[in-house]
Amino acid sequence: MSGYVQFISPPSLTFANLVEQAFKTRWRKISPLPVVLIRSHEKRLTDAPECLGIVLPVSNERVREMAASIHRPLINVSERLPPCPFAINIHYDSTEIGELAADHLAGIGYTRFFFVGDPPAAFSRSRAEAFEKALKRRGLPLLGNLSFKKRDRMDPFTIEQRENNEMNEWLPLLGPSAAVFAANDLIAVRFLRALRRCQPDTAETIGLVGVDDDWSRLDDPSEGEPLTSILPNFAGVGAYAADYLERAAHHGAYAPGSVIRIRGARLVERETTGGFSCEDPLLSRIARWLCKEVNCGHSPSVADVLERFPMSERTLSEKFRRQRGESMREFIMRKRVQRAGRMLLDSDLSIAEIAQHCGFNKHADLSERFTKYMGCSPTRFRRERAPAQWEDTPGADESPTPRRA
């Protein structure tokens, strides 16, 4: 069969680049057709008999209409606009994302919850609804839906001043121990930076979770933020986009208007929820600082804490025991093990190398602690929780299910 398929993606969208990588990897396994990458899409998106299908992660109504006018199978993986009636829509599972955020924030002790979103975006509305439902099932209320106003054609200084004004309006409602779930990482970072400018101490006690894990993948880490974030299953979206496009291009199996929900997201904990919520703001700040040190590869001691937060060792110990039911040393060890767990999933480093990065003298020391806190060995953890390999091709009416190779 001659021809090609098109993947239309602006290089500035991190999520689109990750979906593109997964799409191309899967496509090479299941189809001989070449993939034409379209970057300057509005100029090059033209009708051609050789084009047998299109993947579209672009949040632009005009581009969607242009793609539809070509009358080829269209796979839409963007969630900013509502599902496209003339495409197969492959989206992340908002229910899963809301559950992860609610579980994590409630699990570390928060009781007051807020959502900050981007109201025009379809993904923002669905994540807000999923988060509120997940909280309600736990008997917890969502106390507010917040959003920054649109900032078209403003200089950065003016935008910053407007965001400061909005944050100052929100602060009496938020209080010092709110939990905030943001529709994506970009909104979460705007919220965090405005909060730091207006009330730095509160920024160290509010729990904040974003979505898409974009700010941990920057080339220059100094530009990023230590943001806890939910990492959607980008690999699954790209692989299923390839599967459905292959069925449409080669076999004529095409059901426009369908919506496929992809599960497999996971939460990546960093400093913005690294501690825990409690009535003692100072203890919350200590816990947040400890997590920051651990994530930088340090193993802070009691002396380090007392030097930064002057109090008696006995008082510090009693505070931790009363709030956490464990000593501060145990809390630090738990965070070191959790960091090792993230590295097992996010890197190709050996277990011995990860042990060294996390302050353990040898592989055996990490394995012993890991088994105690995580319930299995590092090897088993990596094998069972590493991203799945997508080997099956689901039917258009099937619920996607990953299979491991």
Protein backbone atom coordinates (compact mmCIF):
# COMPACT_ATOMS: atom_id res chain seq x y z
CA MET A 1 0.00 0.00 0.00
CA SER A 2 1.44 3.41 -0.98
CA GLY A 3 0.80 6.60 0.92
CA TYR A 4 1.60 8.17 4.27
CA VAL A 5 -0.03 9.44 7.49
CA GLN A 6 0.40 12.85 9.07
CA PHE A 7 1.16 13.79 12.67
CA ILE A 8 0.42 17.48 13.21
CA SER A 9 2.15 18.92 16.25
CA PRO A 10 3.70 22.27 17.20
CA PRO A 11 7.09 21.59 18.84
CA SER A 12 6.26 23.88 21.80
CA LEU A 13 3.75 21.42 23.31
CA THR A 14 5.64 19.03 25.58
CA PHE A 15 2.75 16.59 25.88
CA ALA A 16 2.41 16.50 22.07
CA ASN A 17 6.09 15.68 21.68
CA LEU A 18 5.81 12.77 24.12
CA VAL A 19 2.69 11.43 22.41
CA GLU A 20 4.47 11.80 19.07
CA GLN A 21 7.41 9.69 20.26
CA ALA A 22 5.10 6.93 21.48
CA PHE A 23 3.04 7.10 18.30
CA LYS A 24 6.07 6.71 16.03
CA THR A 25 7.48 3.85 18.11
CA ARG A 26 4.22 1.94 17.93
CA TRP A 27 3.56 2.83 14.27
CA ARG A 28 6.88 1.38 13.12
CA LYS A 29 5.81 -1.98 14.58
CA ILE A 30 2.39 -2.18 12.95
CA SER A 31 2.48 -0.32 9.62
CA PRO A 32 4.87 0.12 6.67
CA LEU A 33 3.49 3.61 5.90
CA PRO A 34 5.81 6.56 6.58
CA VAL A 35 4.83 9.27 9.08
CA VAL A 36 5.01 12.87 7.86
CA LEU A 37 5.48 15.31 10.75
CA ILE A 38 3.76 18.63 10.21
CA ARG A 39 5.07 21.51 12.30
CA SER A 40 3.91 24.61 10.40
CA HIS A 41 0.51 22.96 10.11
CA GLU A 42 -1.61 25.83 8.79
CA LYS A 43 0.61 26.16 5.71
CA ARG A 44 1.16 22.49 4.92
CA LEU A 45 -2.14 20.89 5.87
CA THR A 46 -3.51 20.19 2.40
CA ASP A 47 -5.60 17.48 0.82
CA ALA A 48 -3.55 14.81 -0.96
CA PRO A 49 -4.69 11.38 -2.19
CA GLU A 50 -1.63 9.78 -0.61
CA CYS A 51 -2.59 10.97 2.89
CA LEU A 52 -4.38 8.05 4.58
CA GLY A 53 -4.92 9.50 8.06
CA ILE A 54 -4.07 12.28 10.51
CA VAL A 55 -3.20 12.49 14.23
CA LEU A 56 -4.04 15.86 15.75
CA PRO A 57 -2.82 17.02 19.18
CA VAL A 58 -3.47 20.69 18.33
CA SER A 59 -5.89 22.77 20.43
CA ASN A 60 -7.05 24.98 17.61
CA GLU A 61 -10.57 24.97 16.18
CA ARG A 62 -9.45 26.23 12.77
CA VAL A 63 -6.85 23.47 12.40
CA ARG A 64 -9.40 20.84 13.43
CA GLU A 65 -11.80 22.10 10.77
CA MET A 66 -9.03 22.10 8.16
CA ALA A 67 -8.14 18.51 9.08
CA ALA A 68 -11.79 17.47 8.87
CA SER A 69 -12.14 19.04 5.43
CA ILE A 70 -9.55 16.60 4.06
CA HIS A 71 -12.00 13.73 4.74
CA ARG A 72 -9.41 11.27 6.00
CA PRO A 73 -9.48 9.27 9.25
CA LEU A 74 -8.68 11.72 12.05
CA ILE A 75 -7.38 10.84 15.53
CA ASN A 76 -7.78 13.72 18.01
CA VAL A 77 -5.59 13.61 21.15
CA SER A 78 -6.11 17.20 22.32
CA GLU A 79 -8.45 17.84 25.25
CA ARG A 80 -8.64 21.64 25.29
CA LEU A 81 -11.68 21.59 23.01
CA PRO A 82 -14.70 19.26 23.50
CA PRO A 83 -14.51 15.83 21.81
CA CYS A 84 -14.48 16.12 18.05
CA PRO A 85 -17.57 14.57 16.37
CA PHE A 86 -15.67 13.84 13.15
CA ALA A 87 -12.66 12.13 14.81
CA ILE A 88 -11.78 9.29 17.13
CA ASN A 89 -10.91 11.07 20.40
CA ILE A 90 -8.21 9.50 22.58
CA HIS A 91 -8.08 11.22 25.97
CA TYR A 92 -6.72 10.67 29.46
CA ASP A 93 -9.14 9.34 32.06
CA SER A 94 -10.20 12.41 34.10
CA THR A 95 -11.81 10.19 36.74
CA GLU A 96 -8.46 8.51 37.37
CA ILE A 97 -6.68 11.88 37.53
CA GLY A 98 -9.22 13.31 40.00
CA GLU A 99 -8.97 10.19 42.17
CA LEU A 100 -5.17 10.40 42.29
CA ALA A 101 -5.24 14.05 43.35
CA ALA A 102 -7.93 13.50 46.00
CA ASP A 103 -6.26 10.37 47.39
CA HIS A 104 -2.88 12.05 47.71
CA LEU A 105 -4.02 15.34 49.25
CA ALA A 106 -6.43 13.70 51.68
CA GLY A 107 -3.85 11.04 52.52
CA ILE A 108 -1.32 13.57 53.82
CA GLY A 109 -3.88 15.21 56.09
CA TYR A 110 -5.50 18.06 54.18
CA THR A 111 -9.19 18.72 54.85
CA ARG A 112 -9.83 21.94 52.89
CA PHE A 113 -9.77 21.57 49.11
CA PHE A 114 -9.78 23.97 46.16
CA PHE A 115 -9.47 23.62 42.39
CA VAL A 116 -7.74 26.20 40.21
CA GLY A 117 -8.43 25.84 36.52
CA ASP A 118 -8.79 27.24 33.05
CA PRO A 119 -12.60 27.42 32.58
CA PRO A 120 -12.65 27.59 28.75
CA ALA A 121 -10.67 24.34 28.46
CA ALA A 122 -12.65 21.10 28.31
CA PHE A 123 -9.91 19.20 30.18
CA SER A 124 -10.10 21.72 33.04
CA ARG A 125 -13.85 21.27 33.47
CA SER A 126 -13.63 17.47 33.40
CA ARG A 127 -10.77 17.39 35.93
CA ALA A 128 -12.60 19.76 38.28
CA GLU A 129 -15.70 17.58 38.15
CA ALA A 130 -13.71 14.39 38.71
CA PHE A 131 -11.84 15.91 41.67
CA GLU A 132 -15.05 17.12 43.31
CA LYS A 133 -16.71 13.71 42.89
CA ALA A 134 -13.65 11.93 44.29
CA LEU A 135 -13.70 14.19 47.35
CA LYS A 136 -17.44 13.74 47.82
CA ARG A 137 -17.02 9.97 47.93
CA ARG A 138 -14.67 10.53 50.87
CA GLY A 139 -17.11 12.87 52.63
CA LEU A 140 -14.93 15.90 51.89
CA PRO A 141 -16.07 19.20 50.35
CA LEU A 142 -14.61 21.17 47.48
CA LEU A 143 -14.64 24.69 48.91
CA GLY A 144 -13.97 26.66 45.76
CA ASN A 145 -13.24 26.75 42.03
CA LEU A 146 -10.65 29.44 41.29
CA SER A 147 -9.19 30.68 38.02
CA PHE A 148 -6.88 33.42 36.82
CA LYS A 149 -8.53 35.84 34.44
CA LYS A 150 -7.45 35.80 30.79
CA ARG A 151 -4.30 37.84 30.11
CA ASP A 152 -4.22 38.68 26.41
CA ARG A 153 -1.54 41.06 25.11
CA MET A 154 -0.33 42.22 28.53
CA ASP A 155 3.29 42.78 29.45
CA PRO A 156 4.74 40.38 32.06
CA PHE A 157 4.81 43.03 34.81
CA THR A 158 1.10 43.80 34.38
CA ILE A 159 0.22 40.10 34.33
CA GLU A 160 2.18 39.60 37.55
CA GLN A 161 0.40 42.51 39.25
CA ARG A 162 -3.03 41.20 38.20
CA GLU A 163 -2.19 37.72 39.49
CA ASN A 164 -0.99 39.20 42.78
CA ASN A 165 -4.30 41.03 43.18
CA GLU A 166 -6.25 37.84 42.53
CA MET A 167 -4.10 35.87 44.96
CA ASN A 168 -4.65 38.47 47.68
CA GLU A 169 -8.40 38.06 47.16
CA TRP A 170 -8.11 34.27 47.46
CA LEU A 171 -5.82 34.13 50.52
CA PRO A 172 -8.52 34.76 53.19
CA LEU A 173 -10.50 31.88 51.67
CA LEU A 174 -7.52 29.55 51.35
CA GLY A 175 -6.02 30.01 54.80
CA PRO A 176 -2.62 28.51 55.73
CA SER A 177 -3.43 24.82 55.19
CA ALA A 178 -5.42 24.47 51.98
CA ALA A 179 -4.99 21.73 49.41
CA VAL A 180 -5.08 22.92 45.79
CA PHE A 181 -5.47 20.81 42.67
CA ALA A 182 -4.60 22.65 39.45
CA ALA A 183 -5.91 21.67 36.02
CA ASN A 184 -2.35 21.44 34.68
CA ASP A 185 1.23 22.27 35.63
CA LEU A 186 1.25 25.66 33.93
CA ILE A 187 -1.67 26.86 36.06
CA ALA A 188 -0.14 25.28 39.17
CA VAL A 189 3.14 27.14 38.65
CA ARG A 190 1.32 30.45 38.12
CA PHE A 191 -0.55 29.83 41.37
CA LEU A 192 2.62 28.87 43.26
CA ARG A 193 4.63 31.87 42.10
CA ALA A 194 1.82 34.32 42.86
CA LEU A 195 1.46 32.76 46.31
CA ARG A 196 5.20 33.13 46.97
CA ARG A 197 5.10 36.77 45.98
CA CYS A 198 2.11 37.53 48.20
CA GLN A 199 2.66 35.26 51.21
CA PRO A 200 5.88 33.21 51.16
CA ASP A 201 5.25 31.37 54.45
CA THR A 202 1.85 30.14 53.28
CA ALA A 203 3.46 28.83 50.09
CA GLU A 204 5.39 26.38 52.29
CA THR A 205 2.27 24.92 53.90
CA ILE A 206 -0.33 24.77 51.11
CA GLY A 207 -0.46 21.46 49.26
CA LEU A 208 -0.38 21.85 45.48
CA VAL A 209 -0.79 19.21 42.74
CA GLY A 210 -0.67 19.80 38.97
CA VAL A 211 -1.17 17.59 35.93
CA ASP A 212 1.15 16.63 33.01
CA ASP A 213 4.48 16.72 34.90
CA ASP A 214 5.75 19.31 32.44
CA TRP A 215 7.86 21.30 34.87
CA SER A 216 10.13 18.40 35.78
CA ARG A 217 11.25 17.84 32.19
CA LEU A 218 12.71 21.26 31.41
CA ASP A 219 16.20 21.29 29.90
CA ASP A 220 17.27 23.88 32.48
CA PRO A 221 16.19 22.63 35.94
CA SER A 222 16.65 26.13 37.37
CA GLU A 223 13.57 27.21 35.41
CA GLY A 224 11.42 24.44 36.86
CA GLU A 225 9.50 24.14 40.11
CA PRO A 226 9.40 21.32 42.70
CA LEU A 227 5.80 20.59 41.81
CA THR A 228 3.93 17.44 42.71
CA SER A 229 2.21 16.43 39.50
CA ILE A 230 0.11 13.71 37.92
CA LEU A 231 1.85 12.18 34.91
CA PRO A 232 -0.76 11.00 32.38
CA ASN A 233 -0.11 7.93 30.28
CA PHE A 234 1.39 9.72 27.28
CA ALA A 235 2.80 6.42 25.97
CA GLY A 236 -0.66 4.87 26.05
CA VAL A 237 -2.24 7.77 24.16
CA GLY A 238 0.42 7.66 21.45
CA ALA A 239 0.23 3.87 21.13
CA TYR A 240 -3.55 3.81 20.91
CA ALA A 241 -3.51 6.66 18.38
CA ALA A 242 -1.27 4.46 16.23
CA ASP A 243 -3.49 1.40 16.71
CA TYR A 244 -6.71 3.17 15.77
CA LEU A 245 -5.17 4.98 12.82
CA GLU A 246 -3.70 1.73 11.50
CA ARG A 247 -7.12 0.06 11.65
CA ALA A 248 -8.67 2.99 9.83
CA ALA A 249 -5.96 3.36 7.17
CA HIS A 250 -5.43 -0.35 6.42
CA HIS A 251 -8.75 -1.97 7.28
CA GLY A 252 -11.38 0.76 6.95
CA ALA A 253 -12.37 0.41 10.64
CA TYR A 254 -13.27 3.96 11.64
CA ALA A 255 -15.87 5.21 14.16
CA PRO A 256 -15.81 9.04 14.29
CA GLY A 257 -17.22 10.61 17.43
CA SER A 258 -16.04 7.84 19.76
CA VAL A 259 -14.06 8.72 22.90
CA ILE A 260 -11.36 6.36 24.21
CA ARG A 261 -10.23 6.95 27.80
CA ILE A 262 -6.64 5.94 28.60
CA ARG A 263 -5.75 4.99 32.16
CA GLY A 264 -2.29 4.44 33.63
CA ALA A 265 -1.54 7.90 35.12
CA ARG A 266 0.61 8.11 38.23
CA LEU A 267 1.36 10.81 40.78
CA VAL A 268 4.93 12.08 41.13
CA GLU A 269 5.44 13.61 44.58
CA ARG A 270 7.74 16.58 45.06
CA GLU A 271 8.06 19.36 47.61
CA THR A 272 4.70 21.05 47.03
CA THR A 273 3.09 18.12 48.86
CA GLY A 274 6.27 16.60 50.26
CA GLY A 275 5.40 17.14 53.89
CA PHE A 276 2.02 16.84 55.54
CA SER A 277 -0.82 19.05 56.72
CA CYS A 278 -1.22 19.72 60.42
CA GLU A 279 -2.34 22.44 62.79
CA ASP A 280 1.27 23.42 63.46
CA PRO A 281 2.47 25.54 60.49
CA LEU A 282 6.08 25.31 61.69
CA LEU A 283 6.01 21.52 61.60
CA SER A 284 4.55 21.66 58.08
CA ARG A 285 7.41 23.91 57.00
CA ILE A 286 9.97 21.56 58.59
CA ALA A 287 8.51 18.58 56.78
CA ARG A 288 8.49 20.48 53.47
CA TRP A 289 12.14 21.46 53.97
CA LEU A 290 13.13 17.88 54.79
CA CYS A 291 11.54 16.67 51.58
CA LYS A 292 13.36 19.32 49.59
CA GLU A 293 16.69 18.22 51.06
CA VAL A 294 15.98 14.55 50.35
CA ASN A 295 15.00 15.32 46.74
CA CYS A 296 18.33 17.13 46.33
CA GLY A 297 20.14 13.95 47.34
CA HIS A 298 20.88 14.95 50.94
CA SER A 299 20.20 13.02 54.16
CA PRO A 300 19.41 15.78 56.68
CA SER A 301 20.13 15.06 60.33
CA VAL A 302 18.36 16.23 63.47
CA ALA A 303 21.19 18.72 63.97
CA ASP A 304 20.57 20.16 60.51
CA VAL A 305 16.90 20.72 61.34
CA LEU A 306 17.63 22.32 64.74
CA GLU A 307 20.14 24.67 63.13
CA ARG A 308 17.56 25.91 60.63
CA PHE A 309 14.50 25.77 62.92
CA PRO A 310 15.69 26.57 66.47
CA MET A 311 13.95 24.46 69.13
CA SER A 312 14.89 21.66 71.48
CA GLU A 313 15.46 18.16 70.13
CA ARG A 314 12.85 16.86 72.56
CA THR A 315 10.22 19.32 71.29
CA LEU A 316 10.98 18.37 67.69
CA SER A 317 10.73 14.67 68.48
CA GLU A 318 7.43 15.09 70.34
CA LYS A 319 5.95 17.14 67.50
CA PHE A 320 6.73 14.43 64.95
CA ARG A 321 5.56 11.58 67.15
CA ARG A 322 2.30 13.32 67.99
CA GLN A 323 1.52 14.27 64.41
CA ARG A 324 2.92 11.34 62.43
CA GLY A 325 3.23 8.43 64.81
CA GLU A 326 6.85 8.04 63.71
CA SER A 327 10.14 9.71 64.44
CA MET A 328 11.66 12.35 62.22
CA ARG A 329 14.40 9.89 61.25
CA GLU A 330 11.76 7.41 60.10
CA PHE A 331 10.01 10.17 58.12
CA ILE A 332 13.29 11.04 56.36
CA MET A 333 13.99 7.39 55.60
CA ARG A 334 10.51 6.97 54.12
CA LYS A 335 11.10 9.97 51.82
CA ARG A 336 14.49 8.63 50.74
CA VAL A 337 12.90 5.31 49.83
CA GLN A 338 10.11 7.09 47.93
CA ARG A 339 12.72 9.04 45.97
CA ALA A 340 14.43 5.76 45.10
CA GLY A 341 11.07 4.46 43.89
CA ARG A 342 10.63 7.41 41.54
CA MET A 343 14.12 6.92 40.16
CA LEU A 344 13.41 3.23 39.55
CA LEU A 345 10.48 4.23 37.32
CA ASP A 346 11.90 7.37 35.73
CA SER A 347 15.48 6.36 34.94
CA ASP A 348 17.55 3.49 33.56
CA LEU A 349 20.05 3.67 36.43
CA SER A 350 21.01 0.42 38.12
CA ILE A 351 19.74 -0.22 41.63
CA ALA A 352 23.29 0.23 42.96
CA GLU A 353 23.52 3.65 41.27
CA ILE A 354 20.11 4.66 42.65
CA ALA A 355 21.20 3.56 46.13
CA GLN A 356 24.20 5.88 45.85
CA HIS A 357 22.06 8.81 44.64
CA CYS A 358 19.70 8.34 47.60
CA GLY A 359 22.42 8.19 50.25
CA PHE A 360 22.57 4.41 50.85
CA ASN A 361 25.99 2.85 51.24
CA LYS A 362 25.22 -0.16 49.09
CA HIS A 363 22.55 -1.98 47.11
CA ALA A 364 21.67 -4.25 50.04
CA ASP A 365 20.94 -1.30 52.35
CA LEU A 366 18.47 0.16 49.87
CA SER A 367 16.85 -3.23 49.27
CA GLU A 368 16.32 -3.80 52.99
CA ARG A 369 14.74 -0.38 53.57
CA PHE A 370 12.78 -0.49 50.34
CA THR A 371 11.21 -3.82 51.22
CA LYS A 372 10.27 -2.51 54.67
CA TYR A 373 8.56 0.66 53.45
CA MET A 374 7.27 -0.38 50.01
CA GLY A 375 6.44 -4.02 50.63
CA CYS A 376 8.61 -5.46 47.84
CA SER A 377 12.18 -5.41 46.55
CA PRO A 378 13.42 -2.63 44.23
CA THR A 379 13.74 -5.16 41.39
CA ARG A 380 10.14 -6.31 41.72
CA PHE A 381 8.91 -2.72 42.10
CA ARG A 382 10.58 -1.68 38.84
CA ARG A 383 9.39 -4.79 36.99
CA GLU A 384 5.75 -4.47 38.06
CA ARG A 385 5.27 -0.70 37.96
CA ALA A 386 7.41 0.38 35.00
CA PRO A 387 5.40 1.77 32.05
CA ALA A 388 3.55 -1.00 30.24
CA GLN A 389 4.43 -2.13 26.73
CA TRP A 390 1.44 -1.78 24.42
CA GLU A 391 1.25 -4.90 22.27
CA ASP A 392 -2.45 -5.37 21.51
CA THR A 393 -4.63 -3.54 19.02
CA PRO A 394 -8.04 -2.86 20.60
CA GLY A 395 -11.28 -2.71 18.66
CA ALA A 396 -13.01 0.63 18.28
CA ASP A 397 -15.61 -0.30 20.88
CA GLU A 398 -13.23 -1.86 23.39
CA SER A 399 -12.00 -0.35 26.63
CA PRO A 400 -8.21 0.06 26.28
CA THR A 401 -6.21 -2.27 28.52
CA PRO A 402 -2.40 -2.31 28.63
CA ARG A 403 -0.54 -5.58 28.37
CA ARG A 404 3.00 -6.08 29.51
CA ALA A 405 5.54 -7.58 27.17
